[in-house]
Structure formats: structure tokens, C-alpha cells
Protein backbone atom coordinates (compact mmCIF):
# COMPACT_ATOMS: atom_id res chain seq x y z
CA UNK A 1 -0.09 0.00 -0.05
CA UNK A 2 1.63 3.19 -1.07
CA UNK A 3 1.98 5.89 1.50
CA UNK A 4 0.33 9.26 1.10
CA UNK A 5 2.92 11.98 -0.05
CA UNK A 6 3.77 14.29 2.92
CA UNK A 7 2.12 17.50 2.59
CA UNK A 8 4.05 20.72 3.07
CA UNK A 9 2.05 23.57 4.52
CA UNK A 10 3.66 27.03 4.36
CA UNK A 11 3.22 29.57 7.22
CA UNK A 12 1.60 32.34 5.95
CA UNK A 13 4.19 35.42 6.00
CA UNK A 14 4.05 37.81 9.27
CA UNK A 15 2.32 40.97 7.99
CA UNK A 16 4.14 44.04 8.76
CA UNK A 17 3.02 46.26 11.80
CA UNK A 18 0.41 49.15 10.77
CA UNK A 19 1.92 52.79 11.26
CA UNK A 20 -0.63 52.87 14.04
CA UNK A 21 1.07 50.10 15.72
CA UNK A 22 4.42 51.33 15.29
CA UNK A 23 3.44 54.52 16.73
CA UNK A 24 1.82 52.96 19.69
CA UNK A 25 5.37 51.05 20.38
CA UNK A 26 7.26 53.79 19.87
CA UNK A 27 5.15 55.90 22.20
CA UNK A 28 5.31 53.02 24.85
CA UNK A 29 9.09 52.84 24.44
CA UNK A 30 9.43 56.71 25.06
CA UNK A 31 7.22 56.53 28.25
CA UNK A 32 9.59 53.59 29.71
CA UNK A 33 12.53 55.37 28.75
CA UNK A 34 11.30 58.52 30.50
CA UNK A 35 10.05 56.46 33.66
CA UNK A 36 13.38 55.08 33.88
CA UNK A 37 15.01 58.58 33.29
CA UNK A 38 12.56 60.07 36.13
CA UNK A 39 13.40 57.42 38.30
CA UNK A 40 17.02 57.93 38.02
CA UNK A 41 16.81 61.62 38.53
CA UNK A 42 14.64 60.96 41.49
CA UNK A 43 17.09 58.29 42.97
CA UNK A 44 19.99 59.95 42.44
CA UNK A 45 19.13 63.75 42.91
CA UNK A 46 15.42 64.80 43.57
CA UNK A 47 15.12 62.48 46.61
CA UNK A 48 17.93 64.61 48.15
CA UNK A 49 15.18 67.40 48.72
CA UNK A 50 12.58 67.81 50.69
CA UNK A 51 9.50 70.67 50.27
CA UNK A 52 6.49 72.35 51.80
CA UNK A 53 4.62 75.14 51.17
CA UNK A 54 3.38 75.24 54.65
CA UNK A 55 5.86 77.72 55.85
CA UNK A 56 5.56 81.59 57.32
CA UNK A 57 7.69 84.33 58.33
CA UNK A 58 8.06 85.46 61.56
CA UNK A 59 10.40 87.31 63.75
CA UNK A 60 11.25 88.06 67.61
CA UNK A 61 9.07 90.88 67.91
CA UNK A 62 10.37 93.71 70.72
CA UNK A 63 7.37 94.84 72.88
CA UNK A 64 7.96 98.19 73.90
CA UNK A 65 6.30 99.26 77.43
CA UNK A 66 6.42 101.85 79.84
CA UNK A 67 8.54 101.89 83.09
CA UNK A 68 7.05 104.57 84.96
CA UNK A 69 3.49 106.02 85.11
CA UNK A 70 2.62 109.30 83.49
CA UNK A 71 0.76 111.43 81.05
CA UNK A 72 1.94 111.03 77.34
CA UNK A 73 3.16 114.25 76.26
CA UNK A 74 4.81 113.05 72.53
CA UNK A 75 4.21 110.31 70.16
CA UNK A 76 6.78 110.38 67.33
CA UNK A 77 5.73 107.34 65.54
CA UNK A 78 2.90 105.62 63.64
CA UNK A 79 2.48 102.26 62.57
CA UNK A 80 4.54 100.95 59.54
CA UNK A 81 7.34 103.47 60.26
CA UNK A 82 10.66 102.46 60.54
CA UNK A 83 13.05 102.97 63.27
CA UNK A 84 16.42 102.75 64.31
CA UNK A 85 17.66 101.59 67.79
CA UNK A 86 17.51 104.74 70.06
CA UNK A 87 15.20 106.62 68.36
CA UNK A 88 12.88 108.30 70.48
CA UNK A 89 9.57 107.04 70.20
CA UNK A 90 7.49 108.09 73.10
CA UNK A 91 8.02 110.83 75.91
CA UNK A 92 6.08 110.89 78.96
CA UNK A 93 5.47 114.14 81.12
CA UNK A 94 8.48 114.16 83.50
CA UNK A 95 7.13 116.79 85.88
CA UNK A 96 6.62 114.61 88.57
CA UNK A 97 9.87 112.61 88.08
CA UNK A 98 11.80 116.07 88.25
CA UNK A 99 10.00 116.86 91.30
CA UNK A 100 10.97 113.51 92.87
CA UNK A 101 14.94 114.09 91.57
CA UNK A 102 14.99 117.87 93.31
CA UNK A 103 13.58 116.20 96.70
CA UNK A 104 15.75 113.54 97.12
CA UNK A 105 18.83 115.87 96.08
CA UNK A 106 17.25 118.07 99.02
CA UNK A 107 17.13 115.05 101.36
CA UNK A 108 20.89 114.19 100.82
CA UNK A 109 21.76 117.92 101.28
CA UNK A 110 19.95 117.81 104.47
CA UNK A 111 21.63 114.80 105.68
CA UNK A 112 25.10 115.81 104.73
CA UNK A 113 24.26 118.88 106.63
CA UNK A 114 23.35 116.51 109.42
CA UNK A 115 26.42 114.60 109.26
CA UNK A 116 29.04 117.74 109.08
CA UNK A 117 26.92 118.83 112.58
CA UNK A 118 27.25 115.15 114.02
CA UNK A 119 30.81 115.36 113.17
CA UNK A 120 31.17 118.76 115.08
CA UNK A 121 29.62 117.73 118.16
CA UNK A 122 31.73 114.50 118.13
CA UNK A 123 34.83 116.41 117.92
CA UNK A 124 33.62 118.35 121.02
CA UNK A 125 32.34 115.60 122.96
CA UNK A 126 35.51 113.49 122.43
CA UNK A 127 38.12 116.53 123.57
CA UNK A 128 35.42 116.85 126.92
CA UNK A 129 35.50 113.10 127.56
CA UNK A 130 39.20 113.66 127.23
CA UNK A 131 39.34 116.44 129.68
CA UNK A 132 37.05 114.76 132.18
CA UNK A 133 39.03 111.66 132.28
CA UNK A 134 42.47 113.54 133.12
CA UNK A 135 40.64 114.98 135.84
CA UNK A 136 38.54 112.22 137.42
CA UNK A 137 41.96 110.96 139.09
CA UNK A 138 42.44 114.05 141.37
CA UNK A 139 38.72 114.32 142.30
CA UNK A 140 37.93 117.10 140.27
CA UNK A 141 35.12 115.55 138.37
CA UNK A 142 31.93 114.55 139.85
CA UNK A 143 30.80 110.90 138.58
CA UNK A 144 27.77 112.25 137.20
CA UNK A 145 29.45 114.76 134.96
CA UNK A 146 31.79 112.26 133.99
CA UNK A 147 28.82 110.02 133.10
CA UNK A 148 27.15 112.85 131.40
CA UNK A 149 29.98 113.46 129.08
CA UNK A 150 30.17 109.68 128.07
CA UNK A 151 26.75 109.67 127.09
CA UNK A 152 27.24 112.85 124.83
CA UNK A 153 30.17 111.15 122.91
CA UNK A 154 28.35 108.13 122.42
CA UNK A 155 25.46 110.06 121.13
CA UNK A 156 27.50 112.16 118.81
CA UNK A 157 28.74 108.49 117.41
CA UNK A 158 25.19 107.75 116.79
CA UNK A 159 24.30 110.68 115.23
CA UNK A 160 27.32 110.33 112.88
CA UNK A 161 25.91 107.02 111.98
CA UNK A 162 22.40 107.99 111.43
CA UNK A 163 23.42 110.80 109.32
CA UNK A 164 25.55 108.36 107.16
CA UNK A 165 22.38 106.34 106.95
CA UNK A 166 20.23 109.21 105.88
CA UNK A 167 22.80 110.36 103.14
CA UNK A 168 23.02 106.75 101.92
CA UNK A 169 19.17 106.39 101.54
CA UNK A 170 19.23 109.94 99.84
CA UNK A 171 21.79 108.96 97.43
CA UNK A 172 19.62 105.69 96.32
CA UNK A 173 16.62 108.01 95.80
CA UNK A 174 18.30 110.26 93.85
CA UNK A 175 19.67 107.38 91.60
CA UNK A 176 16.32 105.88 91.37
CA UNK A 177 14.64 109.63 90.53
CA UNK A 178 17.55 109.60 87.58
CA UNK A 179 16.51 106.58 86.41
CA UNK A 180 12.77 106.99 86.74
CA UNK A 181 13.23 110.66 84.67
CA UNK A 182 15.17 108.90 81.86
CA UNK A 183 12.57 106.51 81.66
CA UNK A 184 9.99 109.48 80.56
CA UNK A 185 12.01 109.13 77.28
CA UNK A 186 11.08 105.55 75.40
CA UNK A 187 13.56 104.80 72.80
CA UNK A 188 13.30 101.80 70.35
CA UNK A 189 15.21 98.92 71.52
CA UNK A 190 15.85 97.45 68.01
CA UNK A 191 16.00 98.59 64.51
CA UNK A 192 12.60 97.53 62.82
CA UNK A 193 9.08 98.67 61.90
CA UNK A 194 6.61 99.96 64.30
CA UNK A 195 3.21 98.11 64.67
CA UNK A 196 0.21 97.54 67.14
CA UNK A 197 0.54 101.56 68.39
CA UNK A 198 -1.97 101.97 70.96
CA UNK A 199 -0.70 105.11 72.81
CA UNK A 200 -2.10 108.42 72.11
CA UNK A 201 -1.11 112.03 73.45
CA UNK A 202 -2.52 113.03 76.63
CA UNK A 203 -3.27 109.27 77.61
CA UNK A 204 -2.06 108.79 81.23
CA UNK A 205 -0.66 105.21 81.55
CA UNK A 206 0.04 103.10 84.19
CA UNK A 207 3.80 101.36 84.84
CA UNK A 208 4.21 98.41 82.39
CA UNK A 209 1.55 99.47 79.96
CA UNK A 210 2.11 98.19 76.38
CA UNK A 211 2.50 101.17 73.80
CA UNK A 212 3.63 99.53 70.70
CA UNK A 213 5.31 96.82 68.90
CA UNK A 214 8.71 97.14 67.07
CA UNK A 215 9.37 94.17 64.30
CA UNK A 216 12.86 93.88 63.51
CA UNK A 217 12.27 92.88 59.96
CA UNK A 218 15.94 92.47 59.04
CA UNK A 219 16.03 89.81 61.50
CA UNK A 220 13.23 87.61 59.73
CA UNK A 221 13.34 83.72 59.84
CA UNK A 222 10.74 81.26 58.38
CA UNK A 223 9.13 78.62 60.36
CA UNK A 224 8.58 76.03 58.05
CA UNK A 225 5.92 73.38 58.98
CA UNK A 226 7.54 69.77 57.57
CA UNK A 227 5.59 66.47 57.56
CA UNK A 228 7.29 64.20 60.03
CA UNK A 229 8.40 61.80 57.29
CA UNK A 230 10.17 64.60 55.41
CA UNK A 231 12.63 64.81 58.12
CA UNK A 232 14.64 61.92 58.25
CA UNK A 233 17.92 63.47 56.64
CA UNK A 234 16.91 66.97 57.47
CA UNK A 235 19.83 68.42 59.52
CA UNK A 236 20.84 71.93 60.95
CA UNK A 237 23.18 73.73 58.90
CA UNK A 238 21.67 72.31 55.57
CA UNK A 239 21.16 75.04 52.85
CA UNK A 240 17.56 75.92 51.79
CA UNK A 241 16.13 77.82 48.90
CA UNK A 242 12.76 79.97 49.35
CA UNK A 243 10.21 81.98 47.81
CA UNK A 244 7.26 83.65 49.04
CA UNK A 245 3.82 84.59 47.59
CA UNK A 246 4.37 88.13 47.65
CA UNK A 247 7.06 88.15 45.33
CA UNK A 248 6.60 85.04 43.64
CA UNK A 249 9.72 82.49 42.22
CA UNK A 250 11.11 85.47 40.78
CA UNK A 251 12.69 86.35 44.16
CA UNK A 252 14.46 83.28 45.48
CA UNK A 253 15.90 83.74 49.13
CA UNK A 254 18.71 81.40 50.53
CA UNK A 255 18.64 80.17 54.07
CA UNK A 256 20.04 77.61 56.35
CA UNK A 257 18.35 75.22 58.93
CA UNK A 258 18.70 76.67 62.28
CA UNK A 259 16.92 74.33 64.41
CA UNK A 260 13.44 72.33 65.34
CA UNK A 261 10.92 72.77 67.47
CA UNK A 262 10.55 70.95 70.79
CA UNK A 263 7.36 69.53 69.65
CA UNK A 264 4.58 69.55 67.04
CA UNK A 265 2.23 72.00 66.48
CA UNK A 266 -0.70 69.76 67.94
CA UNK A 267 1.55 69.13 71.06
CA UNK A 268 1.38 72.90 72.07
CA UNK A 269 -2.44 73.32 71.00
CA UNK A 270 -4.77 75.00 73.65
CA UNK A 271 -6.61 71.50 73.40
CA UNK A 272 -4.14 68.69 72.77
CA UNK A 273 -5.17 65.84 70.84
CA UNK A 274 -6.48 63.03 73.35
CA UNK A 275 -4.79 59.91 71.76
CA UNK A 276 -5.78 57.69 74.36
CA UNK A 277 -9.24 57.88 73.72
CA UNK A 278 -10.95 54.88 71.91
CA UNK A 279 -11.83 56.54 68.60
CA UNK A 280 -8.31 57.87 67.84
CA UNK A 281 -7.38 58.33 64.31
CA UNK A 282 -3.68 58.68 63.38
CA UNK A 283 -3.01 62.04 61.80
CA UNK A 284 0.64 62.65 60.02
CA UNK A 285 2.07 65.51 62.27
CA UNK A 286 4.08 68.70 61.33
CA UNK A 287 7.21 69.82 62.92
CA UNK A 288 8.18 73.13 62.95
CA UNK A 289 11.77 73.78 61.38
CA UNK A 290 13.46 77.10 61.98
CA UNK A 291 15.19 78.57 58.79
CA UNK A 292 17.39 81.74 58.96
CA UNK A 293 17.27 84.07 56.02
CA UNK A 294 20.31 85.99 54.33
CA UNK A 295 19.97 89.68 55.91
CA UNK A 296 21.29 91.14 52.47
CA UNK A 297 18.93 89.35 50.58
CA UNK A 298 16.01 90.67 53.22
CA UNK A 299 17.40 94.02 52.56
CA UNK A 300 16.99 93.92 48.91
CA UNK A 301 13.58 92.18 49.12
CA UNK A 302 11.73 93.11 52.62
CA UNK A 303 9.22 90.54 53.95
CA UNK A 304 6.79 91.24 56.78
CA UNK A 305 5.70 88.71 59.47
CA UNK A 306 3.24 85.91 58.88
CA UNK A 307 3.47 85.86 54.81
CA UNK A 308 3.18 82.67 53.19
CA UNK A 309 6.61 81.04 52.22
CA UNK A 310 7.45 78.00 49.98
CA UNK A 311 10.85 76.20 51.20
CA UNK A 312 12.85 73.35 49.76
CA UNK A 313 15.98 71.83 51.59
CA UNK A 314 18.76 70.14 50.40
CA UNK A 315 19.52 67.23 52.59
CA UNK A 316 22.67 66.11 51.19
CA UNK A 317 24.90 67.91 53.50
CA UNK A 318 25.31 65.36 56.57
CA UNK A 319 27.87 67.29 58.61
CA UNK A 320 25.29 68.50 61.44
CA UNK A 321 23.30 66.56 63.71
CA UNK A 322 19.84 67.23 64.70
């Protein structure tokens, strides 16, 4: 029986990709390549930076208060005015302070006169006592007379000590009166900008009354509230770049990480979270981080307290510890 001849079946030739399929493959390749490039960029560069827009300018404001009571005679500044350290801000009527100084000086002069009189009495009493002691041996002085002389001598010594004490007290009152008189002129404690001025001419103020605030805008810093997970590699001394919503990205500030708050914002809240309760929900916390700004850049582009900032920290520096 003859075997049937083997049949050879030719496979159909593979059709070339359509233009659309080629474009899709090219696009997929570009996407994969971009992903690889971005991954490498992130791993080797971008992962070394942490950023937040939860940041605000701040500074240590100077509260200007009165050290003495009195009636306001002059107010030389208004809100938003720039002042230099030592500039006269407010003058309190000094009539009472001058009267107190004059009285203290008069009391001191009186005490000095009393001291001179007491010293003269002492010298006379000392001479009388010496004479009486010389005569007592021959019986020319009675015992009563000697006792009176001794008492006069003792009294003159006590009068000298009393006058010295009065001089010391009067001198202290003079010094205090001079201080009080100088405090009727209130000067700027720092360079800065005047804010929250509440004092008015003719107003009677008590001691320790708050008059105004001087904001040292040249010493501005930024409190950046980073999420706790962002701070793993952040250290003091690392460099930062910042920009404000006021000027936008056209003005870049350069700063340095100065330190970290002792606790998160919620830890210092007026009503702290009660995490021990049964309905606790984990919330990512933020830790205030202080960024020092370049004074020259602040001088060129001033900032005010409370402005929104965006902060980016370069974490590649490892020299300093938290």
C-alpha cells in the first residue's frame, strides 16, 4: 500500500506592523524611557530635597512698654514707620520725675549738713571726755558729770552713723529718681518697623503699659512645618531655597536650617489631641523647622511677619546632627 505523500504547509508571512501599531510601540518605548530617566533622576537627585508650602515668616518682636506711669506728652511714630535703635518713640511728662529728683537731692543735702553737725558735736564731745578722764583721778570731776560727758560722746557717734545712713538712703533715691526721669523718654530697643501702636498723646498710662511693637524685619526667619516623614535626613546647617507668595518665584531667598521645635504643633495646642481615647485616628504630624534667611537678601526684598513661603531643603549635607 503506497503511503500518501507528505503535505508541506507553508506558514503565512508575518504582516508588517501598521503605522498605528508602530506609533504605539514608539510611544510605549518613550514612556518606559521617561520612567527610567525620572526614576534615576528621583533616586540620585530629587530624593535629596524636601519641600513644603506650609511655611510662614516670623521674627522675635520687641514689645515696647512703659517703665513709669504718667501722661503721654509726645508720640513720634506711627504704624509702618521704620525706626533705628535709640530713636525716641514716646515721651512721658517728666514733671513728677523732676520733682522727685529735686526732693531726693534736697534730702541728701540735708543729711550731709546733719552729718557735718554730728561730726562737729563728736569732736567737741571727744575733747570733753578726754578732759574729764584726766581730771577724774584727782577728784575734780564728779561721777555724774563724767557719765553725762560719756553719754554725749556716745550720742554724737550715733548721730554720725544716723546721718551717714540718711545720706546713703537719699543717694539711692537720687539714683532711682534719675532712672525714672530717663525712663520718661522711651526709645526704640531695636531697628525695625512700628506696629500695633495703641498709645496716644494725653493718655495717662500706668507702669508696664504696652505702647507699641517694633518688628525687626531685618532679622526675619521662616518657620517651615514639614511632615514628620520628610525630616529623616534634615539636619541643622543644611541649605534651603525659599520664595514667597508676595514676590513669587522671581525672587529666591537662600537660608540655613537653624533648628527644630521641641514638639509638633498639635502638642502645643490649647486643646491637645487625646490620643488615648478609643476613637483615635492617626494623623500625620508637622514639626516646625526654623530657617534663617540671608540679611542682605532681606534688605533687598523685605518681608513682613506672617507671609506665606515655600521652602526646599537640600539634605545632601550630613555634617550637622539634629
